[in-house]
Amino acid sequence: MTPSHEALLCRTFPDLYGCEYSFSACPDSWFELLYNLSQALTDHARRAGLQLVATDVKEKHGSLRFYAEGTDAEADRLIAEAESASEGIPDDGK
C-alpha cells in the first residue's frame, strides 16, 4: 500500500492503528475496503465501549487477513465480511 494511504488510515483511525502502522503487505486496491472496515470497527467500538486494536493486517493467499484484540461478535462479523470481500478486489500489483 502506498505510504500516503497508510498515513491516512493511521491518522484517521489512531485508536485502531496507533501513530504508525504498516499496511505494506496489502495491495493499494484494498485501501477503500480497509478504510470502510476501519470506520465500521471504530464506530462499533465507540457504541459498544470496546478498545479495538489492530495487531496484524496483511494479504495471505489473495485475501485480507485482519487480526485485532478486543473484538466481540459484531466486530468479528465486520472483519469476516471484509476478508471475504477482499477476494473479489483485483490486486494492483503493489
PDB file of N, CA and C in Angstrom:
ATOM      1  N   MET A   1       0.848  -1.164   0.000  1.00  0.00           N
ATOM      2  CA  MET A   1       0.000   0.000   0.000  1.00  0.00           C
ATOM      3  C   MET A   1       0.899   1.233   0.000  1.00  0.00           C
ATOM      4  N   THR A   2       0.447   2.264  -0.647  1.00  0.00           N
ATOM      5  CA  THR A   2       1.269   3.468  -0.734  1.00  0.00           C
ATOM      6  C   THR A   2       1.419   4.116   0.641  1.00  0.00           C
ATOM      7  N   PRO A   3       2.547   4.775   0.861  1.00  0.00           N
ATOM      8  CA  PRO A   3       2.750   5.452   2.141  1.00  0.00           C
ATOM      9  C   PRO A   3       1.667   6.493   2.455  1.00  0.00           C
ATOM     10  N   SER A   4       1.161   7.171   1.449  1.00  0.00           N
ATOM     11  CA  SER A   4       0.127   8.179   1.708  1.00  0.00           C
ATOM     12  C   SER A   4      -1.174   7.530   2.188  1.00  0.00           C
ATOM     13  N   HIS A   5      -1.525   6.380   1.639  1.00  0.00           N
ATOM     14  CA  HIS A   5      -2.721   5.668   2.102  1.00  0.00           C
ATOM     15  C   HIS A   5      -2.511   5.115   3.510  1.00  0.00           C
ATOM     16  N   GLU A   6      -1.319   4.588   3.772  1.00  0.00           N
ATOM     17  CA  GLU A   6      -1.003   4.104   5.124  1.00  0.00           C
ATOM     18  C   GLU A   6      -1.135   5.236   6.132  1.00  0.00           C
ATOM     19  N   ALA A   7      -0.572   6.385   5.806  1.00  0.00           N
ATOM     20  CA  ALA A   7      -0.614   7.536   6.711  1.00  0.00           C
ATOM     21  C   ALA A   7      -2.041   7.999   6.950  1.00  0.00           C
ATOM     22  N   LEU A   8      -2.864   7.990   5.906  1.00  0.00           N
ATOM     23  CA  LEU A   8      -4.255   8.421   6.054  1.00  0.00           C
ATOM     24  C   LEU A   8      -5.024   7.483   6.983  1.00  0.00           C
ATOM     25  N   LEU A   9      -4.830   6.189   6.829  1.00  0.00           N
ATOM     26  CA  LEU A   9      -5.504   5.241   7.719  1.00  0.00           C
ATOM     27  C   LEU A   9      -5.067   5.442   9.169  1.00  0.00           C
ATOM     28  N   CYS A  10      -3.778   5.605   9.398  1.00  0.00           N
ATOM     29  CA  CYS A  10      -3.269   5.799  10.764  1.00  0.00           C
ATOM     30  C   CYS A  10      -3.741   7.116  11.362  1.00  0.00           C
ATOM     31  N   ARG A  11      -3.761   8.152  10.556  1.00  0.00           N
ATOM     32  CA  ARG A  11      -4.189   9.474  11.028  1.00  0.00           C
ATOM     33  C   ARG A  11      -5.695   9.509  11.314  1.00  0.00           C
ATOM     34  N   THR A  12      -6.478   8.839  10.478  1.00  0.00           N
ATOM     35  CA  THR A  12      -7.931   8.850  10.622  1.00  0.00           C
ATOM     36  C   THR A  12      -8.413   7.921  11.730  1.00  0.00           C
ATOM     37  N   PHE A  13      -7.705   6.827  11.951  1.00  0.00           N
ATOM     38  CA  PHE A  13      -8.122   5.816  12.924  1.00  0.00           C
ATOM     39  C   PHE A  13      -7.009   5.513  13.928  1.00  0.00           C
ATOM     40  N   PRO A  14      -6.554   6.523  14.678  1.00  0.00           N
ATOM     41  CA  PRO A  14      -5.412   6.324  15.585  1.00  0.00           C
ATOM     42  C   PRO A  14      -5.691   5.331  16.709  1.00  0.00           C
ATOM     43  N   ASP A  15      -6.934   5.224  17.157  1.00  0.00           N
ATOM     44  CA  ASP A  15      -7.249   4.267  18.221  1.00  0.00           C
ATOM     45  C   ASP A  15      -7.074   2.827  17.747  1.00  0.00           C
ATOM     46  N   LEU A  16      -7.313   2.606  16.473  1.00  0.00           N
ATOM     47  CA  LEU A  16      -7.236   1.258  15.907  1.00  0.00           C
ATOM     48  C   LEU A  16      -5.802   0.888  15.520  1.00  0.00           C
ATOM     49  N   TYR A  17      -5.052   1.862  14.969  1.00  0.00           N
ATOM     50  CA  TYR A  17      -3.733   1.561  14.426  1.00  0.00           C
ATOM     51  C   TYR A  17      -2.559   2.210  15.154  1.00  0.00           C
ATOM     52  N   GLY A  18      -2.805   3.179  15.995  1.00  0.00           N
ATOM     53  CA  GLY A  18      -1.700   3.883  16.631  1.00  0.00           C
ATOM     54  C   GLY A  18      -1.087   4.917  15.705  1.00  0.00           C
ATOM     55  N   CYS A  19       0.055   5.434  16.072  1.00  0.00           N
ATOM     56  CA  CYS A  19       0.707   6.502  15.306  1.00  0.00           C
ATOM     57  C   CYS A  19       1.264   6.013  13.981  1.00  0.00           C
ATOM     58  N   GLU A  20       1.829   4.838  13.978  1.00  0.00           N
ATOM     59  CA  GLU A  20       2.413   4.276  12.764  1.00  0.00           C
ATOM     60  C   GLU A  20       2.010   2.812  12.663  1.00  0.00           C
ATOM     61  N   TYR A  21       1.590   2.444  11.474  1.00  0.00           N
ATOM     62  CA  TYR A  21       1.205   1.061  11.238  1.00  0.00           C
ATOM     63  C   TYR A  21       1.537   0.756   9.792  1.00  0.00           C
ATOM     64  N   SER A  22       2.051  -0.395   9.509  1.00  0.00           N
ATOM     65  CA  SER A  22       2.428  -0.738   8.146  1.00  0.00           C
ATOM     66  C   SER A  22       1.374  -1.645   7.510  1.00  0.00           C
ATOM     67  N   PHE A  23       0.919  -1.202   6.364  1.00  0.00           N
ATOM     68  CA  PHE A  23      -0.003  -1.993   5.549  1.00  0.00           C
ATOM     69  C   PHE A  23       0.717  -2.458   4.285  1.00  0.00           C
ATOM     70  N   SER A  24       2.045  -2.509   4.349  1.00  0.00           N
ATOM     71  CA  SER A  24       2.845  -2.807   3.161  1.00  0.00           C
ATOM     72  C   SER A  24       2.531  -4.174   2.566  1.00  0.00           C
ATOM     73  N   ALA A  25       2.000  -5.075   3.368  1.00  0.00           N
ATOM     74  CA  ALA A  25       1.663  -6.403   2.872  1.00  0.00           C
ATOM     75  C   ALA A  25       0.283  -6.443   2.221  1.00  0.00           C
ATOM     76  N   CYS A  26      -0.327  -5.262   2.029  1.00  0.00           N
ATOM     77  CA  CYS A  26      -1.648  -5.176   1.416  1.00  0.00           C
ATOM     78  C   CYS A  26      -1.569  -4.413   0.099  1.00  0.00           C
ATOM     79  N   PRO A  27      -2.299  -4.870  -0.919  1.00  0.00           N
ATOM     80  CA  PRO A  27      -2.314  -4.121  -2.171  1.00  0.00           C
ATOM     81  C   PRO A  27      -3.053  -2.793  -1.997  1.00  0.00           C
ATOM     82  N   ASP A  28      -2.652  -1.804  -2.745  1.00  0.00           N
ATOM     83  CA  ASP A  28      -3.276  -0.489  -2.660  1.00  0.00           C
ATOM     84  C   ASP A  28      -4.751  -0.542  -3.070  1.00  0.00           C
ATOM     85  N   SER A  29      -5.111  -1.538  -3.871  1.00  0.00           N
ATOM     86  CA  SER A  29      -6.508  -1.664  -4.307  1.00  0.00           C
ATOM     87  C   SER A  29      -7.443  -1.977  -3.139  1.00  0.00           C
ATOM     88  N   TRP A  30      -6.904  -2.324  -1.988  1.00  0.00           N
ATOM     89  CA  TRP A  30      -7.719  -2.588  -0.802  1.00  0.00           C
ATOM     90  C   TRP A  30      -7.925  -1.355   0.065  1.00  0.00           C
ATOM     91  N   PHE A  31      -7.399  -0.219  -0.330  1.00  0.00           N
ATOM     92  CA  PHE A  31      -7.488   0.970   0.517  1.00  0.00           C
ATOM     93  C   PHE A  31      -8.932   1.283   0.906  1.00  0.00           C
ATOM     94  N   GLU A  32      -9.830   1.342  -0.061  1.00  0.00           N
ATOM     95  CA  GLU A  32     -11.227   1.684   0.243  1.00  0.00           C
ATOM     96  C   GLU A  32     -11.851   0.646   1.179  1.00  0.00           C
ATOM     97  N   LEU A  33     -11.592  -0.620   0.930  1.00  0.00           N
ATOM     98  CA  LEU A  33     -12.095  -1.692   1.792  1.00  0.00           C
ATOM     99  C   LEU A  33     -11.578  -1.523   3.220  1.00  0.00           C
ATOM    100  N   LEU A  34     -10.274  -1.266   3.367  1.00  0.00           N
ATOM    101  CA  LEU A  34      -9.699  -1.090   4.705  1.00  0.00           C
ATOM    102  C   LEU A  34     -10.210   0.177   5.374  1.00  0.00           C
ATOM    103  N   TYR A  35     -10.389   1.227   4.614  1.00  0.00           N
ATOM    104  CA  TYR A  35     -10.925   2.467   5.177  1.00  0.00           C
ATOM    105  C   TYR A  35     -12.340   2.222   5.710  1.00  0.00           C
ATOM    106  N   ASN A  36     -13.180   1.591   4.898  1.00  0.00           N
ATOM    107  CA  ASN A  36     -14.563   1.327   5.314  1.00  0.00           C
ATOM    108  C   ASN A  36     -14.625   0.379   6.511  1.00  0.00           C
ATOM    109  N   LEU A  37     -13.787  -0.647   6.510  1.00  0.00           N
ATOM    110  CA  LEU A  37     -13.734  -1.562   7.651  1.00  0.00           C
ATOM    111  C   LEU A  37     -13.278  -0.820   8.901  1.00  0.00           C
ATOM    112  N   SER A  38     -12.251  -0.009   8.769  1.00  0.00           N
ATOM    113  CA  SER A  38     -11.736   0.749   9.913  1.00  0.00           C
ATOM    114  C   SER A  38     -12.808   1.678  10.474  1.00  0.00           C
ATOM    115  N   GLN A  39     -13.552   2.326   9.593  1.00  0.00           N
ATOM    116  CA  GLN A  39     -14.633   3.211  10.041  1.00  0.00           C
ATOM    117  C   GLN A  39     -15.712   2.420  10.769  1.00  0.00           C
ATOM    118  N   ALA A  40     -16.109   1.292  10.198  1.00  0.00           N
ATOM    119  CA  ALA A  40     -17.150   0.465  10.817  1.00  0.00           C
ATOM    120  C   ALA A  40     -16.689  -0.064  12.180  1.00  0.00           C
ATOM    121  N   LEU A  41     -15.449  -0.518  12.263  1.00  0.00           N
ATOM    122  CA  LEU A  41     -14.930  -1.027  13.535  1.00  0.00           C
ATOM    123  C   LEU A  41     -14.830   0.075  14.583  1.00  0.00           C
ATOM    124  N   THR A  42     -14.376   1.247  14.167  1.00  0.00           N
ATOM    125  CA  THR A  42     -14.256   2.371  15.092  1.00  0.00           C
ATOM    126  C   THR A  42     -15.621   2.807  15.604  1.00  0.00           C
ATOM    127  N   ASP A  43     -16.590   2.914  14.705  1.00  0.00           N
ATOM    128  CA  ASP A  43     -17.957   3.289  15.112  1.00  0.00           C
ATOM    129  C   ASP A  43     -18.536   2.257  16.064  1.00  0.00           C
ATOM    130  N   HIS A  44     -18.380   0.983  15.734  1.00  0.00           N
ATOM    131  CA  HIS A  44     -18.895  -0.082  16.595  1.00  0.00           C
ATOM    132  C   HIS A  44     -18.220  -0.057  17.966  1.00  0.00           C
ATOM    133  N   ALA A  45     -16.900   0.108  17.975  1.00  0.00           N
ATOM    134  CA  ALA A  45     -16.160   0.117  19.241  1.00  0.00           C
ATOM    135  C   ALA A  45     -16.646   1.248  20.141  1.00  0.00           C
ATOM    136  N   ARG A  46     -16.905   2.408  19.568  1.00  0.00           N
ATOM    137  CA  ARG A  46     -17.410   3.533  20.374  1.00  0.00           C
ATOM    138  C   ARG A  46     -18.783   3.228  20.957  1.00  0.00           C
ATOM    139  N   ARG A  47     -19.664   2.671  20.119  1.00  0.00           N
ATOM    140  CA  ARG A  47     -21.020   2.351  20.594  1.00  0.00           C
ATOM    141  C   ARG A  47     -20.998   1.260  21.658  1.00  0.00           C
ATOM    142  N   ALA A  48     -20.124   0.264  21.486  1.00  0.00           N
ATOM    143  CA  ALA A  48     -20.099  -0.895  22.375  1.00  0.00           C
ATOM    144  C   ALA A  48     -19.138  -0.738  23.550  1.00  0.00           C
ATOM    145  N   GLY A  49     -18.382   0.351  23.559  1.00  0.00           N
ATOM    146  CA  GLY A  49     -17.424   0.558  24.642  1.00  0.00           C
ATOM    147  C   GLY A  49     -16.221  -0.365  24.569  1.00  0.00           C
ATOM    148  N   LEU A  50     -15.830  -0.742  23.364  1.00  0.00           N
ATOM    149  CA  LEU A  50     -14.690  -1.635  23.170  1.00  0.00           C
ATOM    150  C   LEU A  50     -13.414  -0.840  22.916  1.00  0.00           C
ATOM    151  N   GLN A  51     -12.292  -1.454  23.191  1.00  0.00           N
ATOM    152  CA  GLN A  51     -10.987  -0.902  22.840  1.00  0.00           C
ATOM    153  C   GLN A  51     -10.360  -1.847  21.820  1.00  0.00           C
ATOM    154  N   LEU A  52     -10.673  -1.628  20.559  1.00  0.00           N
ATOM    155  CA  LEU A  52     -10.148  -2.462  19.485  1.00  0.00           C
ATOM    156  C   LEU A  52      -8.779  -1.963  19.061  1.00  0.00           C
ATOM    157  N   VAL A  53      -7.860  -2.898  18.884  1.00  0.00           N
ATOM    158  CA  VAL A  53      -6.514  -2.569  18.419  1.00  0.00           C
ATOM    159  C   VAL A  53      -6.118  -3.591  17.356  1.00  0.00           C
ATOM    160  N   ALA A  54      -5.785  -3.108  16.172  1.00  0.00           N
ATOM    161  CA  ALA A  54      -5.318  -3.993  15.103  1.00  0.00           C
ATOM    162  C   ALA A  54      -3.936  -4.521  15.460  1.00  0.00           C
ATOM    163  N   THR A  55      -3.762  -5.824  15.339  1.00  0.00           N
ATOM    164  CA  THR A  55      -2.466  -6.428  15.644  1.00  0.00           C
ATOM    165  C   THR A  55      -1.732  -6.898  14.391  1.00  0.00           C
ATOM    166  N   ASP A  56      -2.468  -7.210  13.330  1.00  0.00           N
ATOM    167  CA  ASP A  56      -1.844  -7.627  12.075  1.00  0.00           C
ATOM    168  C   ASP A  56      -2.855  -7.460  10.950  1.00  0.00           C
ATOM    169  N   VAL A  57      -2.426  -6.831   9.881  1.00  0.00           N
ATOM    170  CA  VAL A  57      -3.251  -6.629   8.696  1.00  0.00           C
ATOM    171  C   VAL A  57      -2.374  -6.977   7.510  1.00  0.00           C
ATOM    172  N   LYS A  58      -2.791  -8.000   6.746  1.00  0.00           N
ATOM    173  CA  LYS A  58      -1.938  -8.452   5.649  1.00  0.00           C
ATOM    174  C   LYS A  58      -2.748  -9.178   4.587  1.00  0.00           C
ATOM    175  N   GLU A  59      -2.069  -9.469   3.492  1.00  0.00           N
ATOM    176  CA  GLU A  59      -2.618 -10.294   2.430  1.00  0.00           C
ATOM    177  C   GLU A  59      -2.057 -11.691   2.597  1.00  0.00           C
ATOM    178  N   LYS A  60      -2.928 -12.680   2.500  1.00  0.00           N
ATOM    179  CA  LYS A  60      -2.478 -14.066   2.546  1.00  0.00           C
ATOM    180  C   LYS A  60      -3.345 -14.864   1.583  1.00  0.00           C
ATOM    181  N   HIS A  61      -2.684 -15.520   0.646  1.00  0.00           N
ATOM    182  CA  HIS A  61      -3.380 -16.335  -0.359  1.00  0.00           C
ATOM    183  C   HIS A  61      -4.438 -15.517  -1.100  1.00  0.00           C
ATOM    184  N   GLY A  62      -4.134 -14.256  -1.374  1.00  0.00           N
ATOM    185  CA  GLY A  62      -5.020 -13.420  -2.185  1.00  0.00           C
ATOM    186  C   GLY A  62      -6.171 -12.767  -1.449  1.00  0.00           C
ATOM    187  N   SER A  63      -6.220 -12.910  -0.124  1.00  0.00           N
ATOM    188  CA  SER A  63      -7.308 -12.261   0.606  1.00  0.00           C
ATOM    189  C   SER A  63      -6.786 -11.580   1.875  1.00  0.00           C
ATOM    190  N   LEU A  64      -7.590 -10.678   2.368  1.00  0.00           N
ATOM    191  CA  LEU A  64      -7.256  -9.920   3.565  1.00  0.00           C
ATOM    192  C   LEU A  64      -7.282 -10.811   4.795  1.00  0.00           C
ATOM    193  N   ARG A  65      -6.305 -10.607   5.650  1.00  0.00           N
ATOM    194  CA  ARG A  65      -6.302 -11.186   6.994  1.00  0.00           C
ATOM    195  C   ARG A  65      -6.173 -10.011   7.947  1.00  0.00           C
ATOM    196  N   PHE A  66      -7.177  -9.835   8.790  1.00  0.00           N
ATOM    197  CA  PHE A  66      -7.228  -8.705   9.715  1.00  0.00           C
ATOM    198  C   PHE A  66      -7.378  -9.269  11.117  1.00  0.00           C
ATOM    199  N   TYR A  67      -6.360  -9.037  11.945  1.00  0.00           N
ATOM    200  CA  TYR A  67      -6.359  -9.545  13.310  1.00  0.00           C
ATOM    201  C   TYR A  67      -6.407  -8.359  14.271  1.00  0.00           C
ATOM    202  N   ALA A  68      -7.234  -8.482  15.295  1.00  0.00           N
ATOM    203  CA  ALA A  68      -7.369  -7.394  16.258  1.00  0.00           C
ATOM    204  C   ALA A  68      -7.641  -7.954  17.645  1.00  0.00           C
ATOM    205  N   GLU A  69      -7.237  -7.192  18.643  1.00  0.00           N
ATOM    206  CA  GLU A  69      -7.544  -7.510  20.035  1.00  0.00           C
ATOM    207  C   GLU A  69      -8.752  -6.692  20.468  1.00  0.00           C
ATOM    208  N   GLY A  70      -9.528  -7.255  21.389  1.00  0.00           N
ATOM    209  CA  GLY A  70     -10.662  -6.537  21.952  1.00  0.00           C
ATOM    210  C   GLY A  70     -11.937  -6.638  21.155  1.00  0.00           C
ATOM    211  N   THR A  71     -12.027  -7.618  20.267  1.00  0.00           N
ATOM    212  CA  THR A  71     -13.220  -7.750  19.420  1.00  0.00           C
ATOM    213  C   THR A  71     -14.364  -8.421  20.169  1.00  0.00           C
ATOM    214  N   ASP A  72     -15.535  -8.280  19.591  1.00  0.00           N
ATOM    215  CA  ASP A  72     -16.713  -9.025  20.033  1.00  0.00           C
ATOM    216  C   ASP A  72     -17.329  -9.668  18.797  1.00  0.00           C
ATOM    217  N   ALA A  73     -18.487 -10.272  18.929  1.00  0.00           N
ATOM    218  CA  ALA A  73     -19.093 -10.982  17.799  1.00  0.00           C
ATOM    219  C   ALA A  73     -19.365 -10.054  16.620  1.00  0.00           C
ATOM    220  N   GLU A  74     -19.813  -8.835  16.874  1.00  0.00           N
ATOM    221  CA  GLU A  74     -20.107  -7.900  15.785  1.00  0.00           C
ATOM    222  C   GLU A  74     -18.828  -7.457  15.085  1.00  0.00           C
ATOM    223  N   ALA A  75     -17.790  -7.165  15.822  1.00  0.00           N
ATOM    224  CA  ALA A  75     -16.509  -6.795  15.210  1.00  0.00           C
ATOM    225  C   ALA A  75     -15.966  -7.958  14.389  1.00  0.00           C
ATOM    226  N   ASP A  76     -16.073  -9.164  14.909  1.00  0.00           N
ATOM    227  CA  ASP A  76     -15.625 -10.345  14.172  1.00  0.00           C
ATOM    228  C   ASP A  76     -16.414 -10.512  12.874  1.00  0.00           C
ATOM    229  N   ARG A  77     -17.709 -10.210  12.915  1.00  0.00           N
ATOM    230  CA  ARG A  77     -18.545 -10.298  11.707  1.00  0.00           C
ATOM    231  C   ARG A  77     -18.102  -9.271  10.671  1.00  0.00           C
ATOM    232  N   LEU A  78     -17.845  -8.037  11.108  1.00  0.00           N
ATOM    233  CA  LEU A  78     -17.392  -6.987  10.190  1.00  0.00           C
ATOM    234  C   LEU A  78     -16.060  -7.377   9.539  1.00  0.00           C
ATOM    235  N   ILE A  79     -15.165  -7.922  10.332  1.00  0.00           N
ATOM    236  CA  ILE A  79     -13.862  -8.347   9.818  1.00  0.00           C
ATOM    237  C   ILE A  79     -14.032  -9.483   8.814  1.00  0.00           C
ATOM    238  N   ALA A  80     -14.865 -10.468   9.135  1.00  0.00           N
ATOM    239  CA  ALA A  80     -15.085 -11.604   8.233  1.00  0.00           C
ATOM    240  C   ALA A  80     -15.680 -11.144   6.904  1.00  0.00           C
ATOM    241  N   GLU A  81     -16.591 -10.188   6.949  1.00  0.00           N
ATOM    242  CA  GLU A  81     -17.183  -9.658   5.715  1.00  0.00           C
ATOM    243  C   GLU A  81     -16.121  -8.985   4.852  1.00  0.00           C
ATOM    244  N   ALA A  82     -15.260  -8.190   5.470  1.00  0.00           N
ATOM    245  CA  ALA A  82     -14.209  -7.505   4.719  1.00  0.00           C
ATOM    246  C   ALA A  82     -13.209  -8.512   4.146  1.00  0.00           C
ATOM    247  N   GLU A  83     -12.862  -9.516   4.930  1.00  0.00           N
ATOM    248  CA  GLU A  83     -11.932 -10.535   4.431  1.00  0.00           C
ATOM    249  C   GLU A  83     -12.522 -11.232   3.209  1.00  0.00           C
ATOM    250  N   SER A  84     -13.794 -11.549   3.268  1.00  0.00           N
ATOM    251  CA  SER A  84     -14.466 -12.195   2.141  1.00  0.00           C
ATOM    252  C   SER A  84     -14.528 -11.259   0.931  1.00  0.00           C
ATOM    253  N   ALA A  85     -14.868  -9.999   1.161  1.00  0.00           N
ATOM    254  CA  ALA A  85     -14.972  -9.016   0.072  1.00  0.00           C
ATOM    255  C   ALA A  85     -13.624  -8.785  -0.613  1.00  0.00           C
ATOM    256  N   SER A  86     -12.534  -8.918   0.119  1.00  0.00           N
ATOM    257  CA  SER A  86     -11.210  -8.667  -0.450  1.00  0.00           C
ATOM    258  C   SER A  86     -10.880  -9.639  -1.573  1.00  0.00           C
ATOM    259  N   GLU A  87     -11.464 -10.810  -1.536  1.00  0.00           N
ATOM    260  CA  GLU A  87     -11.183 -11.817  -2.551  1.00  0.00           C
ATOM    261  C   GLU A  87     -11.646 -11.385  -3.933  1.00  0.00           C
ATOM    262  N   GLY A  88     -12.614 -10.472  -4.014  1.00  0.00           N
ATOM    263  CA  GLY A  88     -13.121 -10.009  -5.290  1.00  0.00           C
ATOM    264  C   GLY A  88     -12.472  -8.741  -5.796  1.00  0.00           C
ATOM    265  N   ILE A  89     -11.473  -8.236  -5.094  1.00  0.00           N
ATOM    266  CA  ILE A  89     -10.803  -6.994  -5.498  1.00  0.00           C
ATOM    267  C   ILE A  89      -9.487  -7.365  -6.184  1.00  0.00           C
ATOM    268  N   PRO A  90      -9.336  -6.992  -7.442  1.00  0.00           N
ATOM    269  CA  PRO A  90      -8.094  -7.336  -8.141  1.00  0.00           C
ATOM    270  C   PRO A  90      -6.871  -6.694  -7.474  1.00  0.00           C
ATOM    271  N   ASP A  91      -5.791  -7.457  -7.410  1.00  0.00           N
ATOM    272  CA  ASP A  91      -4.533  -6.961  -6.876  1.00  0.00           C
ATOM    273  C   ASP A  91      -3.948  -5.973  -7.880  1.00  0.00           C
ATOM    274  N   ASP A  92      -3.535  -4.824  -7.390  1.00  0.00           N
ATOM    275  CA  ASP A  92      -2.977  -3.804  -8.281  1.00  0.00           C
ATOM    276  C   ASP A  92      -1.488  -4.000  -8.514  1.00  0.00           C
ATOM    277  N   GLY A  93      -0.926  -5.081  -8.016  1.00  0.00           N
ATOM    278  CA  GLY A  93       0.471  -5.382  -8.258  1.00  0.00           C
ATOM    279  C   GLY A  93       1.460  -4.766  -7.308  1.00  0.00           C
ATOM    280  N   LYS A  94       0.994  -4.099  -6.260  1.00  0.00           N
ATOM    281  CA  LYS A  94       1.909  -3.455  -5.309  1.00  0.00           C
ATOM    282  C   LYS A  94       2.019  -4.261  -4.050  1.00  0.00           C
TER     283      LYS A  94
END
